[in-house]
Protein backbone atom coordinates (compact mmCIF):
# COMPACT_ATOMS: atom_id res chain seq x y z
CA UNK A 1 353.18 5.41 -179.24
CA UNK A 2 351.46 5.61 -182.58
CA UNK A 3 347.79 4.87 -180.95
CA UNK A 4 347.58 7.25 -178.57
CA UNK A 5 348.32 9.92 -181.01
CA UNK A 6 345.31 8.34 -183.30
CA UNK A 7 343.31 8.62 -180.49
CA UNK A 8 343.84 11.56 -178.80
CA UNK A 9 342.99 12.64 -183.32
CA UNK A 10 339.71 10.85 -182.75
CA UNK A 11 339.40 12.01 -179.31
CA UNK A 12 339.72 16.10 -180.63
CA UNK A 13 337.97 15.41 -183.65
CA UNK A 14 334.86 14.03 -181.35
CA UNK A 15 335.08 16.93 -179.40
CA UNK A 16 335.50 19.31 -182.24
CA UNK A 17 331.82 17.85 -183.35
CA UNK A 18 330.40 18.57 -180.29
CA UNK A 19 331.30 22.16 -179.86
CA UNK A 20 329.94 22.62 -183.54
CA UNK A 21 326.48 20.91 -182.13
CA UNK A 22 326.52 22.70 -179.13
CA UNK A 23 327.21 26.01 -181.09
CA UNK A 24 324.17 24.77 -183.65
CA UNK A 25 321.54 24.31 -180.67
CA UNK A 26 322.55 28.07 -179.14
CA UNK A 27 321.10 29.09 -182.00
CA UNK A 28 318.08 27.46 -182.54
CA UNK A 29 317.66 27.75 -178.80
CA UNK A 30 317.42 31.31 -179.61
CA UNK A 31 315.23 31.05 -182.88
CA UNK A 32 312.52 29.35 -180.70
CA UNK A 33 312.98 31.55 -177.72
CA UNK A 34 311.48 34.12 -180.06
CA UNK A 35 309.51 32.42 -181.49
CA UNK A 36 307.46 31.24 -178.18
CA UNK A 37 308.99 27.75 -178.78
CA UNK A 38 308.80 26.98 -175.33
CA UNK A 39 308.81 22.94 -175.64
CA UNK A 40 311.07 22.66 -178.16
CA UNK A 41 312.93 25.09 -177.28
CA UNK A 42 313.10 22.36 -173.39
CA UNK A 43 313.94 19.93 -175.28
CA UNK A 44 316.98 21.29 -177.00
CA UNK A 45 318.19 22.68 -173.69
CA UNK A 46 318.69 19.61 -172.27
CA UNK A 47 320.43 18.25 -175.20
CA UNK A 48 322.52 20.82 -175.40
CA UNK A 49 323.60 20.31 -171.73
CA UNK A 50 324.21 16.60 -172.27
CA UNK A 51 326.48 17.47 -175.09
CA UNK A 52 328.10 20.00 -172.82
CA UNK A 53 329.26 17.28 -170.30
CA UNK A 54 330.23 14.67 -172.27
CA UNK A 55 332.50 17.81 -173.95
CA UNK A 56 333.60 18.03 -169.77
CA UNK A 57 334.20 14.37 -170.03
CA UNK A 58 336.23 14.06 -173.02
CA UNK A 59 338.47 16.90 -172.20
CA UNK A 60 339.15 15.54 -168.23
CA UNK A 61 340.15 12.57 -169.96
CA UNK A 62 342.18 14.14 -172.46
CA UNK A 63 343.76 15.96 -169.57
CA UNK A 64 344.18 12.89 -167.06
CA UNK A 65 346.14 10.86 -169.66
CA UNK A 66 347.94 13.70 -170.74
CA UNK A 67 349.13 13.90 -167.19
């Protein structure tokens, strides 16, 4: 029981870290749009999508663990 709670805390902390990275990338992408740096913006968009996919997978995993 204790280990399950620890795992949930670790997953929640990791999810929060991913959310922060996602928000930061959003800001950087906006800055690239303004500066006309298309190639850099595309790379960041791909990274942002991978982070979003990780967040969704963690949330699905968390939801299935609670069920």
